[in-house]
Protein backbone atom coordinates (compact mmCIF):
# COMPACT_ATOMS: atom_id res chain seq x y z
CA MET A 1 8.50 23.50 -18.38
CA ALA A 2 4.92 24.15 -17.33
CA LEU A 3 2.37 26.23 -19.29
CA GLY A 4 -0.24 28.56 -18.10
CA VAL A 5 -1.03 32.19 -17.41
CA ILE A 6 -0.52 33.56 -13.91
CA ASP A 7 -0.99 37.41 -13.64
CA ARG A 8 -0.24 38.49 -10.09
CA THR A 9 -2.98 40.99 -10.22
CA ALA A 10 -5.53 38.72 -11.97
CA ARG A 11 -8.17 36.84 -9.96
CA LEU A 12 -10.42 34.00 -11.11
CA ARG A 13 -13.76 33.91 -9.60
CA LEU A 14 -14.63 30.36 -8.92
CA HIS A 15 -17.93 30.82 -7.06
CA ASP A 16 -20.00 33.55 -5.83
CA GLY A 17 -18.57 35.37 -2.90
CA PHE A 18 -14.98 33.97 -3.50
CA ALA A 19 -12.03 35.07 -5.61
CA GLY A 20 -9.18 32.72 -5.75
CA ASN A 21 -5.74 34.24 -6.66
CA ILE A 22 -4.52 32.14 -9.44
CA GLY A 23 -0.84 32.62 -8.39
CA MET A 24 -1.63 31.41 -4.94
CA ILE A 25 -3.40 28.36 -6.17
CA ALA A 26 -0.61 27.34 -8.62
CA GLU A 27 1.94 27.67 -5.79
CA LYS A 28 0.17 25.15 -3.56
CA LEU A 29 -0.52 21.45 -3.43
CA PHE A 30 -3.98 20.30 -2.42
CA ILE A 31 -3.74 17.64 0.20
CA ALA A 32 -6.47 16.53 2.63
CA GLY A 33 -8.51 19.55 1.85
CA ARG A 34 -5.67 22.02 2.62
CA TRP A 35 -3.55 24.27 0.28
CA MET A 36 -0.08 23.29 1.28
CA ASP A 37 3.28 24.65 0.39
CA ALA A 38 5.81 22.70 -1.63
CA SER A 39 9.55 22.74 -1.17
CA SER A 40 10.16 23.78 -4.66
CA THR A 41 8.51 25.36 -7.67
CA ILE A 42 8.92 25.13 -11.46
CA LEU A 43 8.33 28.06 -14.01
CA ILE A 44 5.15 28.41 -16.01
CA GLU A 45 5.09 29.39 -19.55
CA ASP A 46 2.33 30.77 -21.83
CA PRO A 47 2.44 28.77 -25.05
CA SER A 48 0.89 31.66 -27.09
CA THR A 49 3.72 34.03 -26.15
CA GLY A 50 6.67 31.73 -24.84
CA GLU A 51 6.88 34.07 -21.82
CA LYS A 52 7.57 32.86 -18.34
CA ILE A 53 4.82 34.20 -16.35
CA GLY A 54 4.67 32.44 -12.89
CA THR A 55 5.57 29.32 -10.79
CA LEU A 56 3.81 26.07 -10.04
CA ALA A 57 4.31 23.93 -6.90
CA ALA A 58 6.64 21.04 -7.55
CA GLY A 59 5.68 18.10 -5.16
CA ARG A 60 8.14 15.45 -4.18
CA ALA A 61 7.88 11.91 -2.96
CA GLY A 62 6.98 13.03 0.65
CA ASP A 63 4.09 15.14 -0.74
CA VAL A 64 2.86 12.21 -2.85
CA ASP A 65 2.95 9.93 0.32
CA ALA A 66 0.93 12.60 2.29
CA ALA A 67 -1.60 12.73 -0.45
CA VAL A 68 -1.94 8.89 -0.65
CA ASN A 69 -2.32 8.81 3.17
CA ALA A 70 -4.96 11.52 3.06
CA ALA A 71 -6.95 9.67 0.34
CA ALA A 72 -6.78 6.46 2.46
CA LYS A 73 -8.06 8.27 5.47
CA ALA A 74 -10.92 9.68 3.47
CA TYR A 75 -11.74 6.24 1.99
CA ALA A 76 -11.89 4.83 5.32
CA GLY A 77 -13.82 7.72 6.84
CA ALA A 78 -16.00 10.60 5.64
CA TRP A 79 -15.94 9.84 1.84
CA GLY A 80 -15.97 5.93 2.16
CA LYS A 81 -19.09 6.12 4.58
CA LEU A 82 -21.16 7.95 2.14
CA THR A 83 -23.86 6.14 0.30
CA ALA A 84 -23.71 5.88 -3.46
CA ALA A 85 -26.61 8.23 -3.74
CA GLU A 86 -24.91 10.75 -1.48
CA ARG A 87 -21.82 10.55 -3.69
CA GLY A 88 -23.90 11.20 -6.64
CA ARG A 89 -25.54 14.32 -5.20
CA ILE A 90 -22.03 15.82 -4.57
CA LEU A 91 -20.92 15.11 -8.08
CA MET A 92 -24.14 16.66 -9.36
CA LYS A 93 -23.58 19.79 -7.35
CA MET A 94 -20.01 19.88 -8.80
CA SER A 95 -21.47 19.56 -12.34
CA GLY A 96 -23.67 22.71 -11.85
CA ALA A 97 -20.73 24.61 -10.37
CA VAL A 98 -18.47 23.87 -13.28
CA ALA A 99 -20.97 24.85 -15.79
CA ALA A 100 -21.80 28.08 -13.90
CA LYS A 101 -17.96 29.03 -14.14
CA ALA A 102 -17.69 27.92 -17.68
CA ASP A 103 -16.38 31.19 -19.12
CA ALA A 104 -13.72 31.59 -16.42
CA LEU A 105 -12.56 27.95 -16.51
CA ALA A 106 -12.54 28.01 -20.44
CA ASP A 107 -10.30 31.13 -20.32
CA LEU A 108 -7.91 29.41 -17.87
CA GLU A 109 -7.73 26.15 -19.83
CA ALA A 110 -7.28 28.08 -23.14
CA ARG A 111 -4.37 30.15 -21.86
CA ASP A 112 -2.86 27.17 -20.00
CA VAL A 113 -2.91 24.69 -22.90
CA GLY A 114 -2.88 27.26 -25.72
CA LYS A 115 -6.12 25.92 -27.30
CA PRO A 116 -8.59 28.29 -28.82
CA LEU A 117 -11.32 29.57 -26.52
CA LYS A 118 -14.19 27.79 -28.28
CA GLN A 119 -12.32 24.40 -27.85
CA ALA A 120 -11.57 25.01 -24.18
CA ARG A 121 -15.20 25.96 -23.61
CA ALA A 122 -16.21 22.63 -25.13
CA ASP A 123 -13.86 20.89 -22.66
CA VAL A 124 -15.51 22.60 -19.69
CA LEU A 125 -18.88 21.57 -20.70
CA ALA A 126 -17.59 17.95 -21.31
CA LEU A 127 -16.31 18.04 -17.68
CA SER A 128 -19.71 19.22 -16.46
CA ARG A 129 -21.33 16.42 -18.44
CA TYR A 130 -19.00 13.88 -16.98
CA LEU A 131 -19.96 14.89 -13.55
CA GLU A 132 -23.66 14.76 -14.46
CA PHE A 133 -23.40 11.38 -16.15
CA TYR A 134 -21.25 9.66 -13.25
CA ALA A 135 -23.43 11.40 -10.66
CA GLY A 136 -26.59 9.56 -12.06
CA ALA A 137 -24.50 6.31 -12.41
CA ALA A 138 -23.13 6.24 -8.90
CA ASP A 139 -26.03 4.40 -7.39
CA LYS A 140 -26.59 2.08 -10.40
CA LEU A 141 -23.48 0.17 -10.27
CA HIS A 142 -24.93 -3.22 -9.28
CA GLY A 143 -23.65 -6.71 -8.68
CA GLU A 144 -25.73 -9.75 -9.82
CA THR A 145 -26.99 -13.04 -8.63
CA ILE A 146 -25.55 -16.28 -10.15
CA PRO A 147 -27.63 -19.49 -10.41
CA TYR A 148 -25.86 -22.20 -8.61
CA LEU A 149 -26.61 -25.27 -6.38
CA ALA A 150 -29.89 -25.46 -4.90
CA ASP A 151 -28.71 -24.95 -1.34
CA TYR A 152 -26.53 -21.88 -2.18
CA THR A 153 -27.26 -18.42 -2.90
CA VAL A 154 -24.47 -16.78 -4.90
CA TYR A 155 -24.09 -13.07 -5.69
CA THR A 156 -21.44 -10.54 -6.71
CA LEU A 157 -20.61 -7.21 -5.24
CA ARG A 158 -18.76 -4.30 -6.88
CA GLU A 159 -16.53 -2.59 -4.41
CA PRO A 160 -14.14 0.36 -4.78
CA HIS A 161 -10.47 -0.31 -5.12
CA GLY A 162 -9.72 2.17 -2.38
CA VAL A 163 -7.19 4.74 -3.36
CA THR A 164 -6.86 5.41 -7.02
CA ALA A 165 -4.02 7.45 -8.79
CA HIS A 166 -4.58 9.56 -11.92
CA ILE A 167 -1.74 10.81 -13.99
CA VAL A 168 -3.35 13.46 -16.32
CA PRO A 169 -1.77 14.90 -19.52
CA TRP A 170 -1.51 18.46 -20.72
CA ASN A 171 -3.58 18.22 -23.89
CA TYR A 172 -7.11 17.84 -22.41
CA PRO A 173 -6.82 18.27 -18.59
CA MET A 174 -10.50 18.94 -17.79
CA GLN A 175 -11.82 16.30 -20.09
CA ILE A 176 -9.48 13.62 -18.81
CA ILE A 177 -10.16 14.51 -15.17
CA GLY A 178 -13.75 14.09 -16.16
CA ARG A 179 -13.41 10.62 -17.49
CA SER A 180 -10.98 9.33 -15.09
CA VAL A 181 -11.03 11.06 -11.69
CA VAL A 182 -14.80 11.68 -11.68
CA GLY A 183 -15.48 8.06 -12.68
CA ALA A 184 -13.35 6.80 -9.81
CA LEU A 185 -15.08 9.16 -7.37
CA ALA A 186 -18.53 7.92 -8.59
CA ALA A 187 -17.43 4.33 -7.81
CA GLY A 188 -16.47 5.34 -4.24
CA ASN A 189 -12.64 5.59 -4.59
CA ALA A 190 -10.64 8.34 -3.02
CA THR A 191 -8.22 9.85 -5.51
CA VAL A 192 -4.77 11.34 -5.96
CA VAL A 193 -4.43 13.41 -9.11
CA LYS A 194 -0.97 14.30 -10.68
CA PRO A 195 -1.54 16.83 -13.51
CA ALA A 196 0.97 17.43 -16.28
CA GLU A 197 3.48 20.08 -15.34
CA GLU A 198 2.72 21.79 -18.60
CA ALA A 199 -0.93 22.41 -17.62
CA SER A 200 -2.10 22.16 -14.09
CA LEU A 201 -4.19 25.16 -13.39
CA THR A 202 -7.63 23.83 -14.24
CA ALA A 203 -6.93 20.70 -12.14
CA LEU A 204 -6.18 23.04 -9.13
CA ALA A 205 -9.21 25.23 -9.89
CA PHE A 206 -11.39 22.09 -10.14
CA ALA A 207 -10.17 20.97 -6.75
CA ARG A 208 -11.21 24.35 -5.35
CA ILE A 209 -14.68 23.97 -6.77
CA ALA A 210 -15.01 20.25 -5.46
CA GLN A 211 -14.10 21.50 -1.95
CA GLU A 212 -16.64 24.31 -2.15
CA CYS A 213 -19.34 21.72 -3.30
CA GLY A 214 -18.82 19.50 -0.22
CA LEU A 215 -16.47 16.92 -1.47
CA PRO A 216 -14.99 15.48 1.77
CA ASP A 217 -11.44 16.26 2.65
CA GLY A 218 -8.92 13.90 1.05
CA ALA A 219 -11.49 12.41 -1.43
CA MET A 220 -9.50 14.24 -4.14
CA ASN A 221 -5.93 15.42 -3.74
CA VAL A 222 -3.83 17.22 -6.22
CA VAL A 223 -0.03 17.00 -6.36
CA THR A 224 1.53 19.09 -9.07
CA GLY A 225 5.30 18.57 -10.13
CA ILE A 226 7.58 16.99 -12.65
CA GLY A 227 6.61 13.64 -14.11
CA GLU A 228 10.04 12.02 -13.57
CA GLU A 229 9.67 12.84 -9.77
CA THR A 230 6.13 13.38 -8.65
CA GLY A 231 4.52 11.08 -11.24
CA ALA A 232 7.15 8.46 -10.73
CA ALA A 233 6.59 8.52 -7.02
CA LEU A 234 2.90 8.21 -7.48
CA ALA A 235 3.04 5.30 -9.89
CA ALA A 236 5.26 3.36 -7.57
CA HIS A 237 3.48 4.02 -4.35
CA PRO A 238 2.55 0.96 -2.44
CA GLY A 239 -0.70 2.68 -1.08
CA ILE A 240 -2.59 3.03 -4.33
CA HIS A 241 -4.85 0.27 -5.58
CA HIS A 242 -5.51 1.27 -9.25
CA LEU A 243 -3.77 3.68 -11.58
CA SER A 244 -5.01 5.67 -14.62
CA PHE A 245 -2.43 7.00 -17.10
CA THR A 246 -2.94 8.96 -20.30
CA GLY A 247 0.00 9.95 -22.17
CA SER A 248 2.79 8.77 -24.46
CA THR A 249 3.45 5.12 -25.09
CA GLY A 250 6.93 5.15 -23.83
CA VAL A 251 6.01 6.73 -20.51
CA GLY A 252 2.90 4.59 -20.23
CA ALA A 253 5.24 1.40 -20.36
CA LEU A 254 7.29 2.89 -17.55
CA VAL A 255 4.20 3.75 -15.36
CA GLN A 256 2.87 0.27 -15.90
CA ALA A 257 6.14 -1.38 -14.88
CA ALA A 258 6.32 0.85 -11.66
CA ALA A 259 2.75 -0.06 -10.75
CA GLY A 260 3.29 -3.59 -11.65
CA ARG A 261 5.67 -4.09 -8.88
CA ASN A 262 2.92 -3.61 -6.51
CA ALA A 263 0.57 -5.66 -8.52
CA VAL A 264 -1.66 -2.64 -9.07
CA PRO A 265 -4.13 -2.72 -12.09
CA VAL A 266 -3.59 0.01 -14.66
CA THR A 267 -5.65 1.71 -17.24
CA LEU A 268 -3.46 2.97 -20.11
CA GLU A 269 -4.78 5.39 -22.84
CA LEU A 270 -1.76 5.97 -24.98
CA GLY A 271 -1.12 7.25 -28.51
CA GLY A 272 -2.70 6.76 -31.80
CA LYS A 273 -2.29 7.01 -35.56
CA SER A 274 -5.93 6.96 -36.46
CA PRO A 275 -7.25 6.55 -40.05
CA GLN A 276 -10.42 7.84 -41.64
CA ILE A 277 -11.18 5.74 -44.65
CA VAL A 278 -13.02 7.45 -47.37
CA PHE A 279 -14.72 5.39 -50.19
CA ALA A 280 -15.67 6.91 -53.59
CA ASP A 281 -19.43 6.67 -52.61
CA ALA A 282 -19.14 8.67 -49.46
CA ASP A 283 -21.03 11.86 -48.76
CA ILE A 284 -18.05 14.07 -49.25
CA GLU A 285 -19.73 17.41 -48.22
CA ARG A 286 -20.64 15.80 -44.93
CA ALA A 287 -17.30 14.22 -44.46
CA LEU A 288 -15.09 17.20 -45.21
CA PRO A 289 -15.37 19.01 -41.92
CA PHE A 290 -14.73 15.78 -39.97
CA LEU A 291 -11.76 14.81 -42.19
CA VAL A 292 -9.85 18.18 -41.52
CA ASN A 293 -11.17 19.15 -37.99
CA ALA A 294 -10.23 15.71 -36.48
CA GLY A 295 -6.73 16.17 -37.60
CA ILE A 296 -6.11 19.87 -36.55
CA GLN A 297 -8.17 20.16 -33.35
CA ASN A 298 -6.17 21.31 -30.43
CA ALA A 299 -3.29 21.85 -32.95
CA GLY A 300 -3.22 18.10 -33.65
CA GLN A 301 -2.13 17.39 -30.06
CA THR A 302 -4.89 14.76 -29.61
CA CYS A 303 -4.34 10.95 -29.13
CA SER A 304 -7.33 10.27 -31.28
CA ALA A 305 -6.52 12.67 -34.01
CA ALA A 306 -7.35 11.45 -37.47
CA SER A 307 -3.77 11.93 -38.81
CA ARG A 308 -4.25 9.56 -41.71
CA LEU A 309 -6.74 9.95 -44.41
CA LEU A 310 -7.08 6.87 -46.69
CA VAL A 311 -8.92 7.72 -49.79
CA GLU A 312 -10.13 5.41 -52.58
CA ARG A 313 -8.11 6.15 -55.77
CA LYS A 314 -11.06 7.22 -58.04
CA LEU A 315 -11.87 10.00 -55.43
CA TYR A 316 -8.28 10.82 -54.57
CA GLU A 317 -7.40 13.86 -56.61
CA PRO A 318 -10.90 15.49 -56.48
CA LEU A 319 -10.85 15.12 -52.62
CA LEU A 320 -7.22 16.56 -52.42
CA GLU A 321 -8.47 19.61 -54.02
CA LYS A 322 -11.39 20.07 -51.63
CA LEU A 323 -9.15 19.36 -48.58
CA GLY A 324 -6.60 21.82 -49.90
CA GLU A 325 -9.27 24.60 -50.01
CA ARG A 326 -10.03 23.85 -46.34
CA TYR A 327 -6.36 23.79 -45.28
CA ARG A 328 -5.59 27.12 -46.92
CA ALA A 329 -8.30 28.71 -44.96
CA LEU A 330 -7.12 27.54 -41.59
CA ARG A 331 -5.86 30.41 -39.35
CA VAL A 332 -3.34 30.05 -36.48
CA GLY A 333 -2.91 32.31 -33.66
CA ALA A 334 -2.96 32.99 -29.91
CA ALA A 335 -5.47 31.27 -27.76
CA LYS A 336 -7.26 34.47 -26.90
CA ASP A 337 -7.87 35.12 -30.56
CA ASP A 338 -9.92 32.00 -30.81
CA LEU A 339 -8.85 31.06 -34.32
CA ASP A 340 -8.86 27.52 -35.93
CA VAL A 341 -5.49 26.43 -34.42
CA GLY A 342 -3.55 27.59 -31.43
CA PRO A 343 0.04 27.07 -30.48
CA LEU A 344 1.70 23.88 -29.61
CA ILE A 345 2.36 23.25 -25.87
CA SER A 346 6.05 24.05 -25.80
CA GLY A 347 9.16 24.76 -27.67
CA PRO A 348 10.41 21.23 -27.78
CA GLN A 349 7.09 19.98 -29.04
CA LYS A 350 7.22 22.64 -31.79
CA SER A 351 10.76 21.61 -32.76
CA ARG A 352 9.56 17.88 -32.82
CA VAL A 353 6.58 18.52 -35.13
CA GLU A 354 8.74 20.85 -37.32
CA GLY A 355 11.22 17.88 -37.70
CA PHE A 356 8.49 15.60 -38.99
CA ILE A 357 7.39 18.26 -41.51
CA ALA A 358 11.05 18.86 -42.64
CA GLN A 359 11.51 15.10 -43.06
CA GLY A 360 8.43 14.86 -45.15
CA ARG A 361 9.53 17.63 -47.42
CA LYS A 362 13.13 16.31 -47.76
CA ASP A 363 11.62 12.84 -48.79
CA GLY A 364 9.76 14.61 -51.60
CA HIS A 365 6.13 14.19 -50.44
CA ARG A 366 3.64 16.39 -52.07
CA VAL A 367 2.43 19.24 -49.98
CA ILE A 368 -1.29 19.91 -50.97
CA ALA A 369 -1.68 22.95 -48.69
CA GLU A 370 -0.78 24.74 -45.60
CA GLY A 371 -2.61 26.95 -42.93
CA LYS A 372 -1.50 30.47 -42.19
CA ILE A 373 0.05 31.79 -39.03
CA GLU A 374 -1.69 35.16 -38.50
CA ALA A 375 0.61 38.34 -38.50
CA SER A 376 -1.01 39.01 -35.00
CA ALA A 377 0.38 35.77 -33.46
CA PRO A 378 3.12 36.72 -30.84
CA ARG A 379 6.51 36.04 -32.18
CA GLY A 380 7.56 33.90 -29.20
CA GLY A 381 4.56 31.62 -29.41
CA HIS A 382 4.89 27.92 -30.39
CA PHE A 383 3.00 28.16 -33.66
CA VAL A 384 3.14 25.59 -36.46
CA ALA A 385 1.08 26.05 -39.69
CA PRO A 386 -1.05 22.91 -40.47
CA VAL A 387 0.42 20.88 -43.33
CA LEU A 388 -1.42 18.48 -45.64
CA PHE A 389 0.91 15.83 -47.28
CA ALA A 390 -0.28 13.62 -50.12
CA ASP A 391 1.21 10.40 -51.76
CA VAL A 392 2.60 9.30 -48.50
CA ALA A 393 3.71 5.62 -48.40
CA PRO A 394 2.02 3.67 -45.61
CA ASP A 395 5.45 2.68 -44.10
CA HIS A 396 6.84 6.16 -44.01
CA THR A 397 7.39 7.93 -40.62
CA LEU A 398 4.63 10.38 -41.49
CA ALA A 399 2.24 7.67 -41.78
CA ARG A 400 3.38 5.47 -38.99
CA ASP A 401 4.53 7.62 -36.07
CA GLU A 402 2.45 9.81 -33.80
CA ILE A 403 3.43 13.33 -34.69
CA PHE A 404 1.20 15.09 -32.18
CA GLY A 405 0.86 18.25 -34.29
CA PRO A 406 -1.35 19.66 -37.06
CA VAL A 407 -0.03 17.32 -39.74
CA GLN A 408 -2.19 15.11 -41.90
CA VAL A 409 -1.24 12.68 -44.54
CA VAL A 410 -3.26 11.41 -47.39
CA ILE A 411 -2.83 7.81 -48.75
CA PRO A 412 -4.62 6.38 -51.85
CA PHE A 413 -5.98 2.85 -51.81
CA ASP A 414 -7.60 0.65 -54.62
CA THR A 415 -9.71 -2.02 -52.86
CA GLU A 416 -11.37 -2.59 -49.43
CA GLU A 417 -8.78 -5.13 -48.66
CA ASP A 418 -6.02 -2.50 -49.30
CA ALA A 419 -7.82 -0.03 -47.06
CA ILE A 420 -7.89 -2.61 -44.20
CA ARG A 421 -4.29 -3.47 -44.69
CA ILE A 422 -3.13 0.09 -44.55
CA ALA A 423 -5.43 1.10 -41.69
CA ASN A 424 -4.12 -1.81 -39.55
CA GLY A 425 -0.47 -1.17 -40.72
CA THR A 426 0.74 0.77 -37.60
CA ASP A 427 1.47 -0.31 -34.07
CA TYR A 428 -1.57 1.72 -32.74
CA GLY A 429 -5.33 1.00 -32.47
CA LEU A 430 -7.26 3.72 -30.95
CA VAL A 431 -9.91 5.32 -33.30
CA ALA A 432 -10.93 4.84 -36.81
CA GLY A 433 -13.72 6.14 -39.12
CA VAL A 434 -15.07 5.05 -42.35
CA TRP A 435 -17.15 7.00 -44.75
CA THR A 436 -19.39 5.06 -47.24
CA ARG A 437 -23.13 4.77 -48.28
CA ASP A 438 -22.64 0.92 -48.47
CA GLY A 439 -23.96 -0.38 -45.14
CA SER A 440 -22.59 -3.90 -45.58
CA ARG A 441 -19.02 -2.50 -46.40
CA ALA A 442 -19.30 -0.13 -43.34
CA LEU A 443 -20.05 -3.12 -41.01
CA ARG A 444 -17.31 -5.25 -42.61
CA MET A 445 -14.75 -2.48 -42.03
CA ALA A 446 -15.96 -1.99 -38.51
CA ARG A 447 -15.03 -5.63 -37.78
CA ALA A 448 -11.81 -5.63 -39.74
CA ILE A 449 -10.02 -2.58 -38.33
CA HIS A 450 -8.03 -3.04 -35.22
CA THR A 451 -9.35 -0.23 -32.97
CA GLY A 452 -10.97 0.69 -29.76
CA GLN A 453 -13.53 3.00 -31.37
CA MET A 454 -15.00 2.79 -34.92
CA PHE A 455 -17.14 5.59 -36.41
CA ILE A 456 -19.25 5.16 -39.42
CA ASN A 457 -20.07 8.22 -41.44
CA ASN A 458 -18.83 10.45 -38.63
CA TYR A 459 -15.70 10.88 -36.38
CA GLY A 460 -15.85 11.21 -32.68
CA ALA A 461 -19.74 11.16 -32.38
CA GLY A 462 -19.52 14.58 -30.55
CA GLY A 463 -17.23 13.12 -28.00
CA GLY A 464 -20.08 11.47 -26.16
CA VAL A 465 -19.14 10.84 -22.46
CA GLU A 466 -21.30 7.71 -22.64
CA LEU A 467 -19.16 6.01 -25.11
CA PRO A 468 -16.31 3.62 -23.75
CA PHE A 469 -12.94 4.73 -25.01
CA GLY A 470 -9.62 3.05 -25.12
CA GLY A 471 -7.27 1.27 -27.51
CA THR A 472 -5.49 -1.82 -28.76
CA GLY A 473 -1.77 -2.54 -29.33
CA ARG A 474 0.43 0.40 -28.33
CA SER A 475 -2.60 2.56 -27.75
CA GLY A 476 -3.03 0.98 -24.41
CA HIS A 477 -5.66 -1.16 -22.69
CA GLY A 478 -8.57 -0.76 -20.34
CA ARG A 479 -11.63 1.52 -21.07
CA GLU A 480 -12.46 5.07 -19.74
CA LYS A 481 -15.76 6.94 -20.36
CA GLY A 482 -19.29 5.51 -20.24
CA PHE A 483 -20.54 3.07 -17.69
CA GLU A 484 -17.76 0.58 -18.73
CA ALA A 485 -15.26 2.72 -16.85
CA LEU A 486 -16.98 2.23 -13.62
CA TYR A 487 -16.17 -1.53 -13.90
CA ALA A 488 -12.47 -0.65 -14.07
CA PHE A 489 -12.73 1.43 -10.99
CA THR A 490 -14.24 -1.43 -8.93
CA ARG A 491 -13.18 -4.97 -7.90
CA LEU A 492 -15.66 -7.85 -8.05
CA LYS A 493 -16.31 -9.92 -4.99
CA THR A 494 -18.19 -13.17 -5.22
CA VAL A 495 -20.28 -14.26 -2.18
CA ALA A 496 -21.32 -17.84 -1.97
CA ALA A 497 -23.85 -18.43 0.95
CA PHE A 498 -24.63 -21.98 1.92
CA HIS A 499 -28.13 -22.21 3.53
CA GLY A 500 -29.02 -25.84 3.33
């Protein structure tokens, strides 16, 4: 079931002088610079109301093949022949266009995903910033010379893979397009994007903006549809040369296996069960907003959500009281109401999260506080009130499994060694945070915790696009964001020239 808002009378202004009908965009595939019909469609649902309000094009294997071929043609032609500086100028123009349409895109993203407007607007501005960052980096992706024998000159070249595939999840469509698709374009690749069927509208709107900003036909293609059909066809396609996937650990394994049959390199950004570790000497007033917001942002539907709070025992009860105050103040409602928490993406996701909460209650875990679903929230919306559990055993399902909902657990620890053991006690390793005024301790923890990103006296660092992001263990492998991502989107060639 796909999510979004399509009002047949509503029109989204994407640029001056042009109004694109959202229903028409949603019902088309974007291949080789053309909006093309699909042989079938799927229903679109608004997560804030549960209502079916439109249709989305459902691409099939033949559509994926057409998109890959269009990308290959663009790579061999108009897009591939541009200099790095010329690619950068197009991306910079796209950055400005996205920023200029921030309100319209934020409204679309909020309604499509169900997130509050302020969070959706932050996502739009992040996409603009990704475009700006990679526009500036496009002509700075250098090889190097290697000292070797006296009669040789040896150097390396960083070359695009060719055609890259990008399977984008529903929780942060614009942000992940920014850190994945835009990075690949900056490196000179041509791309095929498969957005999640639950939230595809901003990917399609972005394709329209890219086209208007002069991105050559075929450099970016968008094929919407069901993951099991459209996504599977893309992952297994022999014409792709690199694949980026963000999503669940189980699906990630299937995607990697499919790509592996063609020996295609894969970047996987999967799930997490990220801890924030709070020592008794921490600046609690500074920490409190991070401790809560990092767990409930986007209704907890965030791979890097801080779903575990590990608290030194001498601070445990006083901090629970402060956390409870914040939780009781949380308000849940429709995306348009711009409250603290919006709906979950779908009915099945709501049922899954409610199952975890019910299990926690059944097993006798202490509920410290809950947020409140506003009376104005539509009855059919997929709302779940945030819940804060305490005294959770580190090996309980609440503390080990990714819930992907607004649920946090608080676990006490006694020593630094205990905190490290508990923090590393899951299969994941995506993000972690530590709060302490002891600088030596903070650095020891940064080394000891198995994670891809470690934050000291903060969590997320404002989401900086410059900061390489990725995980260890079941959180995946490879890195997105920052300059590091450009290395993954290129292949290294060594040239050894004998000159005597």
